[in-house]
């Protein structure tokens, strides 16, 4: 099971804290059972938010840096597409030999 990212921990924790406060203030409950129900609902909501935070895509940064002069044609083509989409002409970017 992958470890949670910092964003997942922060979003989930903030959701639990703020939703608990909001539900307690709105429901104005003072019984132990009401507080327990609100706390469980907030924990469930925080878990749902933490699981729906988009994860960083693996390999997006590695593809751009792994394209070296001895790399495969597919990697070089990908590097050319990235440099052209960034507004840099092929052979003019930081990878060209000067």
N, C-alpha and C. Protein backbone atom coordinates (compact mmCIF):
# COMPACT_ATOMS: atom_id res chain seq x y z
N UNK A 1 0.84 -1.17 0.00
CA UNK A 1 0.00 0.00 0.00
C UNK A 1 0.89 1.24 0.00
N UNK A 2 0.67 2.17 -0.93
CA UNK A 2 1.52 3.36 -1.00
C UNK A 2 1.28 4.28 0.19
N UNK A 3 2.33 5.00 0.55
CA UNK A 3 2.21 5.95 1.66
C UNK A 3 1.44 7.17 1.19
N UNK A 4 0.70 7.80 2.11
CA UNK A 4 -0.03 9.01 1.72
C UNK A 4 0.93 10.17 1.49
N UNK A 5 0.59 11.00 0.53
CA UNK A 5 1.41 12.17 0.24
C UNK A 5 1.11 13.27 1.26
N UNK A 6 1.93 14.30 1.25
CA UNK A 6 1.73 15.42 2.17
C UNK A 6 0.40 16.12 1.87
N UNK A 7 0.05 16.23 0.61
CA UNK A 7 -1.21 16.88 0.24
C UNK A 7 -2.40 16.09 0.78
N UNK A 8 -2.34 14.76 0.69
CA UNK A 8 -3.42 13.94 1.22
C UNK A 8 -3.57 14.12 2.72
N UNK A 9 -2.46 14.15 3.44
CA UNK A 9 -2.52 14.32 4.89
C UNK A 9 -3.08 15.69 5.27
N UNK A 10 -2.65 16.73 4.57
CA UNK A 10 -3.11 18.08 4.90
C UNK A 10 -4.58 18.25 4.58
N UNK A 11 -4.99 17.86 3.38
CA UNK A 11 -6.39 18.01 3.00
C UNK A 11 -7.30 17.19 3.90
N UNK A 12 -6.92 15.96 4.18
CA UNK A 12 -7.73 15.12 5.04
C UNK A 12 -7.85 15.67 6.45
N UNK A 13 -6.73 16.12 7.02
CA UNK A 13 -6.74 16.66 8.37
C UNK A 13 -7.56 17.94 8.47
N UNK A 14 -7.38 18.83 7.51
CA UNK A 14 -8.16 20.08 7.51
C UNK A 14 -9.65 19.80 7.36
N UNK A 15 -9.98 18.83 6.53
CA UNK A 15 -11.39 18.48 6.34
C UNK A 15 -11.99 17.96 7.64
N UNK A 16 -11.27 17.09 8.34
CA UNK A 16 -11.77 16.55 9.60
C UNK A 16 -11.98 17.67 10.62
N UNK A 17 -11.01 18.54 10.76
CA UNK A 17 -11.09 19.60 11.77
C UNK A 17 -12.22 20.57 11.46
N UNK A 18 -12.25 21.09 10.24
CA UNK A 18 -13.25 22.10 9.91
C UNK A 18 -14.66 21.53 9.81
N UNK A 19 -14.79 20.31 9.29
CA UNK A 19 -16.14 19.74 9.21
C UNK A 19 -16.66 19.38 10.60
N UNK A 20 -15.79 18.95 11.50
CA UNK A 20 -16.22 18.68 12.87
C UNK A 20 -16.73 19.96 13.53
N UNK A 21 -15.96 21.03 13.42
CA UNK A 21 -16.39 22.30 14.00
C UNK A 21 -17.70 22.79 13.40
N UNK A 22 -17.80 22.71 12.09
CA UNK A 22 -19.02 23.19 11.43
C UNK A 22 -20.24 22.37 11.83
N UNK A 23 -20.09 21.05 11.84
CA UNK A 23 -21.24 20.21 12.20
C UNK A 23 -21.63 20.37 13.66
N UNK A 24 -20.66 20.54 14.55
CA UNK A 24 -20.99 20.75 15.96
C UNK A 24 -21.68 22.09 16.18
N UNK A 25 -21.21 23.12 15.47
CA UNK A 25 -21.84 24.43 15.62
C UNK A 25 -23.25 24.45 15.00
N UNK A 26 -23.41 23.79 13.86
CA UNK A 26 -24.72 23.80 13.21
C UNK A 26 -25.74 22.92 13.92
N UNK A 27 -25.30 21.78 14.43
CA UNK A 27 -26.24 20.87 15.09
C UNK A 27 -26.53 21.27 16.53
N UNK A 28 -25.64 22.02 17.15
CA UNK A 28 -25.76 22.46 18.54
C UNK A 28 -26.03 21.28 19.48
N UNK A 29 -25.40 20.17 19.20
CA UNK A 29 -25.58 18.99 20.04
C UNK A 29 -24.67 19.08 21.26
N UNK A 30 -25.14 18.53 22.36
CA UNK A 30 -24.32 18.51 23.57
C UNK A 30 -24.27 17.11 24.18
N UNK A 31 -24.98 16.17 23.56
CA UNK A 31 -24.96 14.80 24.08
C UNK A 31 -23.73 14.06 23.57
N UNK A 32 -23.31 13.08 24.31
CA UNK A 32 -22.14 12.29 23.92
C UNK A 32 -22.37 11.53 22.64
N UNK A 33 -23.58 11.01 22.45
CA UNK A 33 -23.90 10.26 21.23
C UNK A 33 -23.87 11.18 20.00
N UNK A 34 -24.40 12.38 20.14
CA UNK A 34 -24.39 13.33 19.01
C UNK A 34 -22.99 13.73 18.62
N UNK A 35 -22.15 13.96 19.62
CA UNK A 35 -20.75 14.33 19.35
C UNK A 35 -20.02 13.17 18.68
N UNK A 36 -20.30 11.94 19.12
CA UNK A 36 -19.66 10.77 18.52
C UNK A 36 -20.08 10.61 17.06
N UNK A 37 -21.35 10.83 16.77
CA UNK A 37 -21.83 10.72 15.38
C UNK A 37 -21.18 11.79 14.52
N UNK A 38 -21.09 13.01 15.02
CA UNK A 38 -20.45 14.10 14.27
C UNK A 38 -18.98 13.78 14.02
N UNK A 39 -18.29 13.26 15.04
CA UNK A 39 -16.87 12.94 14.89
C UNK A 39 -16.66 11.83 13.87
N UNK A 40 -17.50 10.81 13.91
CA UNK A 40 -17.38 9.72 12.92
C UNK A 40 -17.68 10.20 11.51
N UNK A 41 -18.68 11.06 11.37
CA UNK A 41 -19.00 11.60 10.05
C UNK A 41 -17.84 12.45 9.52
N UNK A 42 -17.22 13.23 10.40
CA UNK A 42 -16.08 14.06 9.98
C UNK A 42 -14.89 13.21 9.60
N UNK A 43 -14.64 12.13 10.34
CA UNK A 43 -13.54 11.23 9.97
C UNK A 43 -13.78 10.58 8.62
N UNK A 44 -15.01 10.16 8.38
CA UNK A 44 -15.34 9.57 7.08
C UNK A 44 -15.17 10.56 5.95
N UNK A 45 -15.61 11.79 6.18
CA UNK A 45 -15.46 12.82 5.16
C UNK A 45 -13.99 13.15 4.91
N UNK A 46 -13.19 13.21 5.97
CA UNK A 46 -11.76 13.46 5.81
C UNK A 46 -11.06 12.36 5.05
N UNK A 47 -11.46 11.12 5.32
CA UNK A 47 -10.88 9.98 4.59
C UNK A 47 -11.26 10.03 3.12
N UNK A 48 -12.50 10.38 2.84
CA UNK A 48 -12.94 10.50 1.45
C UNK A 48 -12.16 11.58 0.71
N UNK A 49 -11.98 12.72 1.35
CA UNK A 49 -11.22 13.82 0.71
C UNK A 49 -9.77 13.41 0.49
N UNK A 50 -9.16 12.76 1.49
CA UNK A 50 -7.75 12.37 1.36
C UNK A 50 -7.55 11.35 0.24
N UNK A 51 -8.52 10.48 0.02
CA UNK A 51 -8.37 9.47 -1.03
C UNK A 51 -8.65 10.02 -2.42
N UNK A 52 -9.35 11.14 -2.51
CA UNK A 52 -9.66 11.68 -3.83
C UNK A 52 -8.67 12.75 -4.28
N UNK A 53 -7.68 13.09 -3.47
CA UNK A 53 -6.64 14.03 -3.89
C UNK A 53 -5.83 13.37 -5.00
N UNK A 54 -5.65 14.04 -6.14
CA UNK A 54 -4.90 13.42 -7.23
C UNK A 54 -3.45 13.15 -6.84
N UNK A 55 -2.98 11.97 -7.19
CA UNK A 55 -1.61 11.59 -6.91
C UNK A 55 -0.69 12.11 -8.01
N UNK A 56 0.57 12.41 -7.68
CA UNK A 56 1.50 12.83 -8.73
C UNK A 56 1.75 11.69 -9.70
N UNK A 57 1.85 12.01 -10.97
CA UNK A 57 2.05 10.98 -11.99
C UNK A 57 3.50 10.53 -11.97
N UNK A 58 3.70 9.24 -11.92
CA UNK A 58 5.05 8.68 -11.90
C UNK A 58 5.61 8.68 -13.32
N UNK A 59 6.82 9.16 -13.46
CA UNK A 59 7.50 9.08 -14.74
C UNK A 59 7.37 10.32 -15.60
N UNK A 60 6.62 11.34 -15.19
CA UNK A 60 6.50 12.51 -16.05
C UNK A 60 7.78 13.33 -16.05
N UNK A 61 8.47 13.41 -14.92
CA UNK A 61 9.72 14.17 -14.89
C UNK A 61 10.88 13.32 -15.40
N UNK A 62 10.83 12.04 -15.20
CA UNK A 62 11.92 11.18 -15.62
C UNK A 62 12.04 11.08 -17.12
N UNK A 63 10.94 11.22 -17.85
CA UNK A 63 10.98 11.10 -19.31
C UNK A 63 11.74 12.26 -19.93
N UNK A 64 11.60 13.45 -19.37
CA UNK A 64 12.26 14.61 -19.96
C UNK A 64 13.75 14.63 -19.64
N UNK A 65 14.14 14.13 -18.48
CA UNK A 65 15.55 14.18 -18.11
C UNK A 65 16.33 12.98 -18.60
N UNK A 66 15.63 11.89 -18.95
CA UNK A 66 16.36 10.70 -19.38
C UNK A 66 16.72 10.72 -20.86
N UNK A 67 16.25 11.71 -21.60
CA UNK A 67 16.53 11.76 -23.02
C UNK A 67 17.93 12.34 -23.23
N UNK A 68 18.88 11.46 -23.42
CA UNK A 68 20.26 11.87 -23.65
C UNK A 68 20.64 11.54 -25.08
N UNK A 69 21.82 11.95 -25.54
CA UNK A 69 22.19 11.66 -26.92
C UNK A 69 22.20 10.17 -27.24
N UNK A 70 22.42 9.32 -26.28
CA UNK A 70 22.43 7.89 -26.53
C UNK A 70 21.10 7.21 -26.26
N UNK A 71 20.03 7.99 -26.06
CA UNK A 71 18.75 7.40 -25.71
C UNK A 71 18.02 6.92 -26.95
N UNK A 72 16.89 6.29 -26.73
CA UNK A 72 16.13 5.72 -27.83
C UNK A 72 15.47 6.81 -28.66
N UNK A 73 15.02 6.45 -29.84
CA UNK A 73 14.37 7.40 -30.72
C UNK A 73 13.06 7.92 -30.15
N UNK A 74 12.34 7.06 -29.42
CA UNK A 74 11.07 7.48 -28.82
C UNK A 74 11.30 8.57 -27.78
N UNK A 75 12.32 8.41 -26.96
CA UNK A 75 12.62 9.41 -25.93
C UNK A 75 13.07 10.72 -26.56
N UNK A 76 13.85 10.65 -27.64
CA UNK A 76 14.29 11.87 -28.31
C UNK A 76 13.11 12.58 -28.97
N UNK A 77 12.19 11.82 -29.53
CA UNK A 77 11.01 12.43 -30.15
C UNK A 77 10.15 13.10 -29.08
N UNK A 78 10.02 12.47 -27.94
CA UNK A 78 9.27 13.07 -26.84
C UNK A 78 9.93 14.36 -26.37
N UNK A 79 11.26 14.36 -26.28
CA UNK A 79 11.98 15.56 -25.87
C UNK A 79 11.78 16.68 -26.88
N UNK A 80 11.79 16.35 -28.18
CA UNK A 80 11.56 17.37 -29.20
C UNK A 80 10.16 17.97 -29.08
N UNK A 81 9.16 17.11 -28.84
CA UNK A 81 7.79 17.61 -28.69
C UNK A 81 7.68 18.53 -27.49
N UNK A 82 8.35 18.19 -26.40
CA UNK A 82 8.29 19.03 -25.20
C UNK A 82 8.98 20.37 -25.41
N UNK A 83 10.12 20.36 -26.09
CA UNK A 83 10.82 21.63 -26.30
C UNK A 83 10.08 22.51 -27.29
N UNK A 84 9.47 21.92 -28.31
CA UNK A 84 8.71 22.71 -29.27
C UNK A 84 7.46 23.27 -28.61
N UNK A 85 6.79 22.48 -27.77
CA UNK A 85 5.59 22.98 -27.09
C UNK A 85 5.95 24.04 -26.06
N UNK A 86 7.19 24.05 -25.58
CA UNK A 86 7.62 25.08 -24.62
C UNK A 86 8.10 26.33 -25.34
N UNK A 87 8.10 26.34 -26.66
CA UNK A 87 8.50 27.52 -27.40
C UNK A 87 9.97 27.55 -27.75
N UNK A 88 10.69 26.46 -27.57
CA UNK A 88 12.11 26.39 -27.87
C UNK A 88 12.27 25.55 -29.13
N UNK A 89 12.98 26.06 -30.09
CA UNK A 89 13.22 25.33 -31.33
C UNK A 89 14.19 24.18 -31.08
N UNK A 90 14.01 23.05 -31.77
CA UNK A 90 14.96 21.94 -31.60
C UNK A 90 16.37 22.38 -31.96
N UNK A 91 17.33 21.97 -31.14
CA UNK A 91 18.72 22.33 -31.36
C UNK A 91 19.10 23.66 -30.73
N UNK A 92 18.15 24.38 -30.15
CA UNK A 92 18.41 25.68 -29.55
C UNK A 92 18.28 25.64 -28.03
N UNK A 93 17.83 24.52 -27.47
CA UNK A 93 17.57 24.43 -26.04
C UNK A 93 18.82 24.09 -25.25
N UNK A 94 18.65 23.82 -23.98
CA UNK A 94 19.80 23.52 -23.12
C UNK A 94 20.47 22.19 -23.44
N UNK A 95 19.82 21.33 -24.25
CA UNK A 95 20.43 20.03 -24.55
C UNK A 95 21.35 20.08 -25.76
N UNK A 96 21.36 21.22 -26.49
CA UNK A 96 22.19 21.28 -27.68
C UNK A 96 23.65 21.55 -27.29
N UNK A 97 24.54 20.99 -28.07
CA UNK A 97 25.96 21.18 -27.82
C UNK A 97 26.41 22.48 -28.49
N UNK A 98 27.03 23.36 -27.73
CA UNK A 98 27.51 24.63 -28.29
C UNK A 98 29.00 24.72 -28.22
